[in-house]
Amino acid sequence: FLVFVATFAGIRSVGPGLVRTVAIFGAGGLAIAREVYWHSAQ
């Protein structure tokens, strides 16, 4: 639960504008999860 809540908070800290910007440059769902969400949650 410690890791779950912390990872969830890291994912929620990602702004939607950043996700949209990365998607505009052609990133798919897997790339967004790896490059945006995962790096922000680390």
PDB file of all heavy atoms in Angstrom:
ATOM      1  N   PHE A   1       0.813  -1.209   0.000  1.00  0.00           N
ATOM      2  CA  PHE A   1       0.000   0.000   0.000  1.00  0.00           C
ATOM      3  C   PHE A   1       0.850   1.263   0.000  1.00  0.00           C
ATOM      4  O   PHE A   1       0.458   2.277  -0.586  1.00  0.00           O
ATOM      5  CB  PHE A   1      -0.950  -0.012   1.201  1.00  0.00           C
ATOM      6  CG  PHE A   1      -2.023  -1.049   1.106  1.00  0.00           C
ATOM      7  CD1 PHE A   1      -1.926  -2.234   1.807  1.00  0.00           C
ATOM      8  CD2 PHE A   1      -3.125  -0.862   0.298  1.00  0.00           C
ATOM      9  CE1 PHE A   1      -2.910  -3.202   1.713  1.00  0.00           C
ATOM     10  CE2 PHE A   1      -4.119  -1.818   0.187  1.00  0.00           C
ATOM     11  CZ  PHE A   1      -4.004  -2.998   0.901  1.00  0.00           C
ATOM     12  N   LEU A   2       2.022   1.211   0.638  1.00  0.00           N
ATOM     13  CA  LEU A   2       2.911   2.381   0.600  1.00  0.00           C
ATOM     14  C   LEU A   2       3.340   2.678  -0.838  1.00  0.00           C
ATOM     15  O   LEU A   2       3.284   3.824  -1.292  1.00  0.00           O
ATOM     16  CB  LEU A   2       4.136   2.127   1.484  1.00  0.00           C
ATOM     17  CG  LEU A   2       3.907   2.100   2.997  1.00  0.00           C
ATOM     18  CD1 LEU A   2       5.189   1.712   3.717  1.00  0.00           C
ATOM     19  CD2 LEU A   2       3.427   3.457   3.488  1.00  0.00           C
ATOM     20  N   VAL A   3       3.770   1.646  -1.551  1.00  0.00           N
ATOM     21  CA  VAL A   3       4.226   1.842  -2.925  1.00  0.00           C
ATOM     22  C   VAL A   3       3.048   2.168  -3.839  1.00  0.00           C
ATOM     23  O   VAL A   3       3.159   3.007  -4.742  1.00  0.00           O
ATOM     24  CB  VAL A   3       4.974   0.585  -3.409  1.00  0.00           C
ATOM     25  CG1 VAL A   3       5.411   0.747  -4.861  1.00  0.00           C
ATOM     26  CG2 VAL A   3       6.181   0.314  -2.527  1.00  0.00           C
ATOM     27  N   PHE A   4       1.901   1.529  -3.611  1.00  0.00           N
ATOM     28  CA  PHE A   4       0.729   1.777  -4.441  1.00  0.00           C
ATOM     29  C   PHE A   4       0.302   3.239  -4.354  1.00  0.00           C
ATOM     30  O   PHE A   4       0.091   3.898  -5.386  1.00  0.00           O
ATOM     31  CB  PHE A   4      -0.413   0.864  -4.001  1.00  0.00           C
ATOM     32  CG  PHE A   4      -1.691   1.049  -4.778  1.00  0.00           C
ATOM     33  CD1 PHE A   4      -1.912   0.316  -5.931  1.00  0.00           C
ATOM     34  CD2 PHE A   4      -2.654   1.946  -4.363  1.00  0.00           C
ATOM     35  CE1 PHE A   4      -3.082   0.485  -6.657  1.00  0.00           C
ATOM     36  CE2 PHE A   4      -3.824   2.126  -5.078  1.00  0.00           C
ATOM     37  CZ  PHE A   4      -4.041   1.394  -6.230  1.00  0.00           C
ATOM     38  N   VAL A   5       0.160   3.756  -3.147  1.00  0.00           N
ATOM     39  CA  VAL A   5      -0.298   5.136  -2.978  1.00  0.00           C
ATOM     40  C   VAL A   5       0.722   6.118  -3.537  1.00  0.00           C
ATOM     41  O   VAL A   5       0.362   7.114  -4.182  1.00  0.00           O
ATOM     42  CB  VAL A   5      -0.588   5.413  -1.486  1.00  0.00           C
ATOM     43  CG1 VAL A   5      -0.879   6.895  -1.265  1.00  0.00           C
ATOM     44  CG2 VAL A   5      -1.760   4.570  -1.013  1.00  0.00           C
ATOM     45  N   ALA A   6       2.016   5.852  -3.319  1.00  0.00           N
ATOM     46  CA  ALA A   6       3.043   6.763  -3.827  1.00  0.00           C
ATOM     47  C   ALA A   6       3.066   6.765  -5.350  1.00  0.00           C
ATOM     48  O   ALA A   6       3.159   7.823  -5.985  1.00  0.00           O
ATOM     49  CB  ALA A   6       4.407   6.363  -3.275  1.00  0.00           C
ATOM     50  N   THR A   7       2.991   5.578  -5.974  1.00  0.00           N
ATOM     51  CA  THR A   7       2.971   5.511  -7.436  1.00  0.00           C
ATOM     52  C   THR A   7       1.732   6.187  -7.997  1.00  0.00           C
ATOM     53  O   THR A   7       1.795   6.891  -9.011  1.00  0.00           O
ATOM     54  CB  THR A   7       3.028   4.046  -7.893  1.00  0.00           C
ATOM     55  OG1 THR A   7       4.160   3.402  -7.301  1.00  0.00           O
ATOM     56  CG2 THR A   7       3.129   3.952  -9.400  1.00  0.00           C
ATOM     57  N   PHE A   8       0.614   5.982  -7.341  1.00  0.00           N
ATOM     58  CA  PHE A   8      -0.626   6.617  -7.774  1.00  0.00           C
ATOM     59  C   PHE A   8      -0.493   8.137  -7.705  1.00  0.00           C
ATOM     60  O   PHE A   8      -0.937   8.857  -8.617  1.00  0.00           O
ATOM     61  CB  PHE A   8      -1.773   6.146  -6.886  1.00  0.00           C
ATOM     62  CG  PHE A   8      -3.098   6.130  -7.562  1.00  0.00           C
ATOM     63  CD1 PHE A   8      -3.589   4.972  -8.136  1.00  0.00           C
ATOM     64  CD2 PHE A   8      -3.865   7.277  -7.657  1.00  0.00           C
ATOM     65  CE1 PHE A   8      -4.808   4.944  -8.778  1.00  0.00           C
ATOM     66  CE2 PHE A   8      -5.080   7.272  -8.296  1.00  0.00           C
ATOM     67  CZ  PHE A   8      -5.563   6.100  -8.858  1.00  0.00           C
ATOM     68  N   ALA A   9       0.127   8.639  -6.634  1.00  0.00           N
ATOM     69  CA  ALA A   9       0.324  10.086  -6.515  1.00  0.00           C
ATOM     70  C   ALA A   9       1.251  10.603  -7.605  1.00  0.00           C
ATOM     71  O   ALA A   9       1.049  11.702  -8.140  1.00  0.00           O
ATOM     72  CB  ALA A   9       0.880  10.418  -5.137  1.00  0.00           C
ATOM     73  N   GLY A  10       2.297   9.829  -7.940  1.00  0.00           N
ATOM     74  CA  GLY A  10       3.192  10.243  -9.011  1.00  0.00           C
ATOM     75  C   GLY A  10       2.492  10.317 -10.355  1.00  0.00           C
ATOM     76  O   GLY A  10       2.727  11.237 -11.149  1.00  0.00           O
ATOM     77  N   ILE A  11       1.612   9.358 -10.624  1.00  0.00           N
ATOM     78  CA  ILE A  11       0.855   9.376 -11.877  1.00  0.00           C
ATOM     79  C   ILE A  11      -0.105  10.558 -11.904  1.00  0.00           C
ATOM     80  O   ILE A  11      -0.245  11.255 -12.925  1.00  0.00           O
ATOM     81  CB  ILE A  11       0.109   8.047 -12.050  1.00  0.00           C
ATOM     82  CG1 ILE A  11       1.103   6.912 -12.249  1.00  0.00           C
ATOM     83  CG2 ILE A  11      -0.851   8.115 -13.230  1.00  0.00           C
ATOM     84  CD1 ILE A  11       0.471   5.543 -12.283  1.00  0.00           C
ATOM     85  N   ARG A  12      -0.754  10.813 -10.780  1.00  0.00           N
ATOM     86  CA  ARG A  12      -1.710  11.921 -10.737  1.00  0.00           C
ATOM     87  C   ARG A  12      -1.023  13.280 -10.829  1.00  0.00           C
ATOM     88  O   ARG A  12      -1.671  14.285 -11.146  1.00  0.00           O
ATOM     89  CB  ARG A  12      -2.517  11.848  -9.433  1.00  0.00           C
ATOM     90  CG  ARG A  12      -3.422  10.633  -9.308  1.00  0.00           C
ATOM     91  CD  ARG A  12      -4.576  10.702 -10.309  1.00  0.00           C
ATOM     92  NE  ARG A  12      -5.442  11.815 -10.049  1.00  0.00           N
ATOM     93  CZ  ARG A  12      -6.487  11.766  -9.234  1.00  0.00           C
ATOM     94  NH1 ARG A  12      -6.783  10.626  -8.607  1.00  0.00           N
ATOM     95  NH2 ARG A  12      -7.251  12.810  -9.047  1.00  0.00           N
ATOM     96  N   SER A  13       0.285  13.328 -10.549  1.00  0.00           N
ATOM     97  CA  SER A  13       1.001  14.610 -10.616  1.00  0.00           C
ATOM     98  C   SER A  13       1.287  15.048 -12.049  1.00  0.00           C
ATOM     99  O   SER A  13       1.692  16.187 -12.275  1.00  0.00           O
ATOM    100  CB  SER A  13       2.321  14.510  -9.854  1.00  0.00           C
ATOM    101  OG  SER A  13       3.225  13.627 -10.497  1.00  0.00           O
ATOM    102  N   VAL A  14       1.105  14.139 -13.002  1.00  0.00           N
ATOM    103  CA  VAL A  14       1.357  14.484 -14.408  1.00  0.00           C
ATOM    104  C   VAL A  14       0.209  15.330 -14.936  1.00  0.00           C
ATOM    105  O   VAL A  14      -0.963  14.934 -14.854  1.00  0.00           O
ATOM    106  CB  VAL A  14       1.507  13.204 -15.255  1.00  0.00           C
ATOM    107  CG1 VAL A  14       1.724  13.569 -16.726  1.00  0.00           C
ATOM    108  CG2 VAL A  14       2.663  12.364 -14.737  1.00  0.00           C
ATOM    109  N   GLY A  15       0.549  16.487 -15.472  1.00  0.00           N
ATOM    110  CA  GLY A  15      -0.474  17.374 -16.008  1.00  0.00           C
ATOM    111  C   GLY A  15      -1.016  16.879 -17.342  1.00  0.00           C
ATOM    112  O   GLY A  15      -0.267  16.297 -18.145  1.00  0.00           O
ATOM    113  N   PRO A  16      -2.286  17.083 -17.616  1.00  0.00           N
ATOM    114  CA  PRO A  16      -2.852  16.644 -18.904  1.00  0.00           C
ATOM    115  C   PRO A  16      -2.232  17.353 -20.091  1.00  0.00           C
ATOM    116  O   PRO A  16      -2.186  16.797 -21.187  1.00  0.00           O
ATOM    117  CB  PRO A  16      -4.339  16.964 -18.767  1.00  0.00           C
ATOM    118  CG  PRO A  16      -4.418  18.030 -17.705  1.00  0.00           C
ATOM    119  CD  PRO A  16      -3.287  17.732 -16.759  1.00  0.00           C
ATOM    120  N   GLY A  17      -1.748  18.568 -19.887  1.00  0.00           N
ATOM    121  CA  GLY A  17      -1.120  19.281 -20.997  1.00  0.00           C
ATOM    122  C   GLY A  17       0.133  18.590 -21.483  1.00  0.00           C
ATOM    123  O   GLY A  17       0.397  18.538 -22.705  1.00  0.00           O
ATOM    124  N   LEU A  18       0.917  18.035 -20.567  1.00  0.00           N
ATOM    125  CA  LEU A  18       2.124  17.313 -20.970  1.00  0.00           C
ATOM    126  C   LEU A  18       1.770  16.059 -21.761  1.00  0.00           C
ATOM    127  O   LEU A  18       2.416  15.741 -22.768  1.00  0.00           O
ATOM    128  CB  LEU A  18       2.935  16.945 -19.727  1.00  0.00           C
ATOM    129  CG  LEU A  18       4.213  16.124 -19.959  1.00  0.00           C
ATOM    130  CD1 LEU A  18       5.182  16.873 -20.856  1.00  0.00           C
ATOM    131  CD2 LEU A  18       4.872  15.775 -18.616  1.00  0.00           C
ATOM    132  N   VAL A  19       0.749  15.350 -21.316  1.00  0.00           N
ATOM    133  CA  VAL A  19       0.327  14.139 -22.031  1.00  0.00           C
ATOM    134  C   VAL A  19      -0.146  14.493 -23.440  1.00  0.00           C
ATOM    135  O   VAL A  19       0.187  13.810 -24.424  1.00  0.00           O
ATOM    136  CB  VAL A  19      -0.775  13.420 -21.238  1.00  0.00           C
ATOM    137  CG1 VAL A  19      -1.288  12.212 -22.015  1.00  0.00           C
ATOM    138  CG2 VAL A  19      -0.255  12.992 -19.875  1.00  0.00           C
ATOM    139  N   ARG A  20      -0.935  15.563 -23.561  1.00  0.00           N
ATOM    140  CA  ARG A  20      -1.421  15.958 -24.896  1.00  0.00           C
ATOM    141  C   ARG A  20      -0.266  16.371 -25.795  1.00  0.00           C
ATOM    142  O   ARG A  20      -0.268  16.060 -26.993  1.00  0.00           O
ATOM    143  CB  ARG A  20      -2.434  17.101 -24.751  1.00  0.00           C
ATOM    144  CG  ARG A  20      -3.783  16.667 -24.230  1.00  0.00           C
ATOM    145  CD  ARG A  20      -4.816  17.754 -24.458  1.00  0.00           C
ATOM    146  NE  ARG A  20      -4.502  18.953 -23.683  1.00  0.00           N
ATOM    147  CZ  ARG A  20      -4.979  19.214 -22.478  1.00  0.00           C
ATOM    148  NH1 ARG A  20      -5.810  18.341 -21.901  1.00  0.00           N
ATOM    149  NH2 ARG A  20      -4.651  20.314 -21.842  1.00  0.00           N
ATOM    150  N   THR A  21       0.720  17.064 -25.228  1.00  0.00           N
ATOM    151  CA  THR A  21       1.861  17.502 -26.035  1.00  0.00           C
ATOM    152  C   THR A  21       2.641  16.313 -26.566  1.00  0.00           C
ATOM    153  O   THR A  21       3.025  16.278 -27.746  1.00  0.00           O
ATOM    154  CB  THR A  21       2.779  18.397 -25.184  1.00  0.00           C
ATOM    155  OG1 THR A  21       2.047  19.525 -24.709  1.00  0.00           O
ATOM    156  CG2 THR A  21       3.972  18.868 -25.999  1.00  0.00           C
ATOM    157  N   VAL A  22       2.885  15.334 -25.707  1.00  0.00           N
ATOM    158  CA  VAL A  22       3.618  14.145 -26.145  1.00  0.00           C
ATOM    159  C   VAL A  22       2.806  13.367 -27.186  1.00  0.00           C
ATOM    160  O   VAL A  22       3.359  12.832 -28.148  1.00  0.00           O
ATOM    161  CB  VAL A  22       3.944  13.259 -24.931  1.00  0.00           C
ATOM    162  CG1 VAL A  22       4.594  11.957 -25.370  1.00  0.00           C
ATOM    163  CG2 VAL A  22       4.865  13.988 -23.962  1.00  0.00           C
ATOM    164  N   ALA A  23       1.492  13.319 -26.996  1.00  0.00           N
ATOM    165  CA  ALA A  23       0.646  12.612 -27.964  1.00  0.00           C
ATOM    166  C   ALA A  23       0.654  13.303 -29.321  1.00  0.00           C
ATOM    167  O   ALA A  23       0.594  12.643 -30.370  1.00  0.00           O
ATOM    168  CB  ALA A  23      -0.775  12.509 -27.427  1.00  0.00           C
ATOM    169  N   ILE A  24       0.738  14.637 -29.318  1.00  0.00           N
ATOM    170  CA  ILE A  24       0.783  15.369 -30.583  1.00  0.00           C
ATOM    171  C   ILE A  24       2.008  14.985 -31.393  1.00  0.00           C
ATOM    172  O   ILE A  24       1.973  14.903 -32.620  1.00  0.00           O
ATOM    173  CB  ILE A  24       0.747  16.888 -30.316  1.00  0.00           C
ATOM    174  CG1 ILE A  24      -0.636  17.298 -29.798  1.00  0.00           C
ATOM    175  CG2 ILE A  24       1.109  17.676 -31.567  1.00  0.00           C
ATOM    176  CD1 ILE A  24      -0.725  18.736 -29.358  1.00  0.00           C
ATOM    177  N   PHE A  25       3.119  14.706 -30.711  1.00  0.00           N
ATOM    178  CA  PHE A  25       4.348  14.328 -31.404  1.00  0.00           C
ATOM    179  C   PHE A  25       4.353  12.860 -31.813  1.00  0.00           C
ATOM    180  O   PHE A  25       5.384  12.347 -32.246  1.00  0.00           O
ATOM    181  CB  PHE A  25       5.554  14.622 -30.524  1.00  0.00           C
ATOM    182  CG  PHE A  25       5.926  16.075 -30.476  1.00  0.00           C
ATOM    183  CD1 PHE A  25       5.463  16.894 -29.461  1.00  0.00           C
ATOM    184  CD2 PHE A  25       6.726  16.630 -31.458  1.00  0.00           C
ATOM    185  CE1 PHE A  25       5.794  18.233 -29.419  1.00  0.00           C
ATOM    186  CE2 PHE A  25       7.070  17.967 -31.423  1.00  0.00           C
ATOM    187  CZ  PHE A  25       6.605  18.781 -30.407  1.00  0.00           C
ATOM    188  N   GLY A  26       3.243  12.169 -31.643  1.00  0.00           N
ATOM    189  CA  GLY A  26       3.123  10.820 -32.167  1.00  0.00           C
ATOM    190  C   GLY A  26       3.318   9.706 -31.170  1.00  0.00           C
ATOM    191  O   GLY A  26       3.366   8.532 -31.562  1.00  0.00           O
ATOM    192  N   ALA A  27       3.419  10.000 -29.892  1.00  0.00           N
ATOM    193  CA  ALA A  27       3.616   8.952 -28.897  1.00  0.00           C
ATOM    194  C   ALA A  27       2.317   8.197 -28.663  1.00  0.00           C
ATOM    195  O   ALA A  27       1.243   8.792 -28.544  1.00  0.00           O
ATOM    196  CB  ALA A  27       4.104   9.559 -27.583  1.00  0.00           C
ATOM    197  N   GLY A  28       2.428   6.873 -28.601  1.00  0.00           N
ATOM    198  CA  GLY A  28       1.265   6.043 -28.334  1.00  0.00           C
ATOM    199  C   GLY A  28       1.031   5.861 -26.850  1.00  0.00           C
ATOM    200  O   GLY A  28       1.739   6.434 -26.000  1.00  0.00           O
ATOM    201  N   GLY A  29       0.041   5.043 -26.508  1.00  0.00           N
ATOM    202  CA  GLY A  29      -0.299   4.845 -25.101  1.00  0.00           C
ATOM    203  C   GLY A  29       0.826   4.229 -24.306  1.00  0.00           C
ATOM    204  O   GLY A  29       1.110   4.639 -23.176  1.00  0.00           O
ATOM    205  N   LEU A  30       1.508   3.233 -24.876  1.00  0.00           N
ATOM    206  CA  LEU A  30       2.610   2.577 -24.169  1.00  0.00           C
ATOM    207  C   LEU A  30       3.778   3.532 -23.979  1.00  0.00           C
ATOM    208  O   LEU A  30       4.400   3.562 -22.910  1.00  0.00           O
ATOM    209  CB  LEU A  30       3.051   1.337 -24.945  1.00  0.00           C
ATOM    210  CG  LEU A  30       4.156   0.494 -24.300  1.00  0.00           C
ATOM    211  CD1 LEU A  30       3.696  -0.027 -22.943  1.00  0.00           C
ATOM    212  CD2 LEU A  30       4.548  -0.665 -25.217  1.00  0.00           C
ATOM    213  N   ALA A  31       4.083   4.314 -25.008  1.00  0.00           N
ATOM    214  CA  ALA A  31       5.188   5.273 -24.894  1.00  0.00           C
ATOM    215  C   ALA A  31       4.868   6.351 -23.871  1.00  0.00           C
ATOM    216  O   ALA A  31       5.750   6.778 -23.107  1.00  0.00           O
ATOM    217  CB  ALA A  31       5.472   5.903 -26.263  1.00  0.00           C
ATOM    218  N   ILE A  32       3.621   6.807 -23.828  1.00  0.00           N
ATOM    219  CA  ILE A  32       3.238   7.812 -22.825  1.00  0.00           C
ATOM    220  C   ILE A  32       3.342   7.236 -21.419  1.00  0.00           C
ATOM    221  O   ILE A  32       3.838   7.895 -20.490  1.00  0.00           O
ATOM    222  CB  ILE A  32       1.812   8.316 -23.104  1.00  0.00           C
ATOM    223  CG1 ILE A  32       1.780   9.111 -24.415  1.00  0.00           C
ATOM    224  CG2 ILE A  32       1.299   9.172 -21.955  1.00  0.00           C
ATOM    225  CD1 ILE A  32       0.388   9.537 -24.830  1.00  0.00           C
ATOM    226  N   ALA A  33       2.901   5.997 -21.240  1.00  0.00           N
ATOM    227  CA  ALA A  33       2.990   5.372 -19.919  1.00  0.00           C
ATOM    228  C   ALA A  33       4.435   5.225 -19.481  1.00  0.00           C
ATOM    229  O   ALA A  33       4.767   5.443 -18.297  1.00  0.00           O
ATOM    230  CB  ALA A  33       2.299   4.013 -19.937  1.00  0.00           C
ATOM    231  N   ARG A  34       5.318   4.864 -20.429  1.00  0.00           N
ATOM    232  CA  ARG A  34       6.720   4.635 -20.072  1.00  0.00           C
ATOM    233  C   ARG A  34       7.495   5.936 -19.918  1.00  0.00           C
ATOM    234  O   ARG A  34       8.219   6.125 -18.937  1.00  0.00           O
ATOM    235  CB  ARG A  34       7.382   3.763 -21.147  1.00  0.00           C
ATOM    236  CG  ARG A  34       8.841   3.407 -20.836  1.00  0.00           C
ATOM    237  CD  ARG A  34       9.457   2.562 -21.937  1.00  0.00           C
ATOM    238  NE  ARG A  34       9.555   3.296 -23.200  1.00  0.00           N
ATOM    239  CZ  ARG A  34       8.828   3.031 -24.274  1.00  0.00           C
ATOM    240  NH1 ARG A  34       7.932   2.055 -24.231  1.00  0.00           N
ATOM    241  NH2 ARG A  34       8.956   3.736 -25.380  1.00  0.00           N
ATOM    242  N   GLU A  35       7.363   6.838 -20.867  1.00  0.00           N
ATOM    243  CA  GLU A  35       8.203   8.024 -20.895  1.00  0.00           C
ATOM    244  C   GLU A  35       7.664   9.166 -20.044  1.00  0.00           C
ATOM    245  O   GLU A  35       8.447   9.999 -19.577  1.00  0.00           O
ATOM    246  CB  GLU A  35       8.390   8.500 -22.339  1.00  0.00           C
ATOM    247  CG  GLU A  35       9.018   7.471 -23.254  1.00  0.00           C
ATOM    248  CD  GLU A  35      10.430   7.103 -22.828  1.00  0.00           C
ATOM    249  OE1 GLU A  35      11.083   7.917 -22.156  1.00  0.00           O
ATOM    250  OE2 GLU A  35      10.876   5.989 -23.174  1.00  0.00           O
ATOM    251  N   VAL A  36       6.349   9.231 -19.863  1.00  0.00           N
ATOM    252  CA  VAL A  36       5.759  10.350 -19.116  1.00  0.00           C
ATOM    253  C   VAL A  36       5.351   9.914 -17.717  1.00  0.00           C
ATOM    254  O   VAL A  36       5.882  10.402 -16.713  1.00  0.00           O
ATOM    255  CB  VAL A  36       4.553  10.938 -19.884  1.00  0.00           C
ATOM    256  CG1 VAL A  36       3.927  12.077 -19.078  1.00  0.00           C
ATOM    257  CG2 VAL A  36       4.980  11.437 -21.254  1.00  0.00           C
ATOM    258  N   TYR A  37       4.419   8.982 -17.661  1.00  0.00           N
ATOM    259  CA  TYR A  37       3.898   8.595 -16.350  1.00  0.00           C
ATOM    260  C   TYR A  37       4.959   7.910 -15.488  1.00  0.00           C
ATOM    261  O   TYR A  37       5.118   8.229 -14.312  1.00  0.00           O
ATOM    262  CB  TYR A  37       2.686   7.676 -16.525  1.00  0.00           C
ATOM    263  CG  TYR A  37       1.437   8.393 -16.967  1.00  0.00           C
ATOM    264  CD1 TYR A  37       0.898   8.172 -18.231  1.00  0.00           C
ATOM    265  CD2 TYR A  37       0.796   9.302 -16.137  1.00  0.00           C
ATOM    266  CE1 TYR A  37      -0.251   8.832 -18.644  1.00  0.00           C
ATOM    267  CE2 TYR A  37      -0.354   9.962 -16.535  1.00  0.00           C
ATOM    268  CZ  TYR A  37      -0.869   9.719 -17.788  1.00  0.00           C
ATOM    269  OH  TYR A  37      -2.003  10.382 -18.185  1.00  0.00           O
ATOM    270  N   TRP A  38       5.687   6.951 -16.062  1.00  0.00           N
ATOM    271  CA  TRP A  38       6.660   6.217 -15.261  1.00  0.00           C
ATOM    272  C   TRP A  38       7.799   7.114 -14.799  1.00  0.00           C
ATOM    273  O   TRP A  38       8.200   7.083 -13.638  1.00  0.00           O
ATOM    274  CB  TRP A  38       7.199   5.032 -16.050  1.00  0.00           C
ATOM    275  CG  TRP A  38       8.394   4.366 -15.424  1.00  0.00           C
ATOM    276  CD1 TRP A  38       9.630   4.211 -15.942  1.00  0.00           C
ATOM    277  CD2 TRP A  38       8.444   3.768 -14.121  1.00  0.00           C
ATOM    278  NE1 TRP A  38      10.456   3.556 -15.062  1.00  0.00           N
ATOM    279  CE2 TRP A  38       9.750   3.270 -13.933  1.00  0.00           C
ATOM    280  CE3 TRP A  38       7.517   3.609 -13.093  1.00  0.00           C
ATOM    281  CZ2 TRP A  38      10.145   2.633 -12.766  1.00  0.00           C
ATOM    282  CZ3 TRP A  38       7.908   2.967 -11.921  1.00  0.00           C
ATOM    283  CH2 TRP A  38       9.207   2.481 -11.775  1.00  0.00           C
ATOM    284  N   HIS A  39       8.316   7.947 -15.684  1.00  0.00           N
ATOM    285  CA  HIS A  39       9.416   8.834 -15.300  1.00  0.00           C
ATOM    286  C   HIS A  39       8.953   9.870 -14.276  1.00  0.00           C
ATOM    287  O   HIS A  39       9.729  10.243 -13.388  1.00  0.00           O
ATOM    288  CB  HIS A  39      10.001   9.520 -16.530  1.00  0.00           C
ATOM    289  CG  HIS A  39      10.866   8.623 -17.356  1.00  0.00           C
ATOM    290  ND1 HIS A  39      12.225   8.549 -17.212  1.00  0.00           N
ATOM    291  CD2 HIS A  39      10.551   7.724 -18.324  1.00  0.00           C
ATOM    292  CE1 HIS A  39      12.730   7.664 -18.059  1.00  0.00           C
ATOM    293  NE2 HIS A  39      11.731   7.152 -18.747  1.00  0.00           N
ATOM    294  N   SER A  40       7.726  10.311 -14.381  1.00  0.00           N
ATOM    295  CA  SER A  40       7.218  11.267 -13.392  1.00  0.00           C
ATOM    296  C   SER A  40       6.972  10.600 -12.048  1.00  0.00           C
ATOM    297  O   SER A  40       7.119  11.236 -10.999  1.00  0.00           O
ATOM    298  CB  SER A  40       5.912  11.889 -13.901  1.00  0.00           C
ATOM    299  OG  SER A  40       6.115  12.594 -15.106  1.00  0.00           O
ATOM    300  N   ALA A  41       6.602   9.324 -12.064  1.00  0.00           N
ATOM    301  CA  ALA A  41       6.298   8.626 -10.816  1.00  0.00           C
ATOM    302  C   ALA A  41       7.531   8.077 -10.129  1.00  0.00           C
ATOM    303  O   ALA A  41       7.469   7.732  -8.939  1.00  0.00           O
ATOM    304  CB  ALA A  41       5.315   7.480 -11.085  1.00  0.00           C
ATOM    305  N   GLN A  42       8.656   7.983 -10.826  1.00  0.00           N
ATOM    306  CA  GLN A  42       9.838   7.352 -10.242  1.00  0.00           C
ATOM    307  C   GLN A  42      10.291   7.990  -8.935  1.00  0.00           C
ATOM    308  O   GLN A  42      10.573   7.267  -7.960  1.00  0.00           O
ATOM    309  CB  GLN A  42      10.983   7.348 -11.254  1.00  0.00           C
ATOM    310  CG  GLN A  42      10.953   6.169 -12.204  1.00  0.00           C
ATOM    311  CD  GLN A  42      12.271   5.986 -12.916  1.00  0.00           C
ATOM    312  OE1 GLN A  42      13.315   5.815 -12.292  1.00  0.00           O
ATOM    313  NE2 GLN A  42      12.224   6.028 -14.238  1.00  0.00           N
TER     314      GLN A  42
END
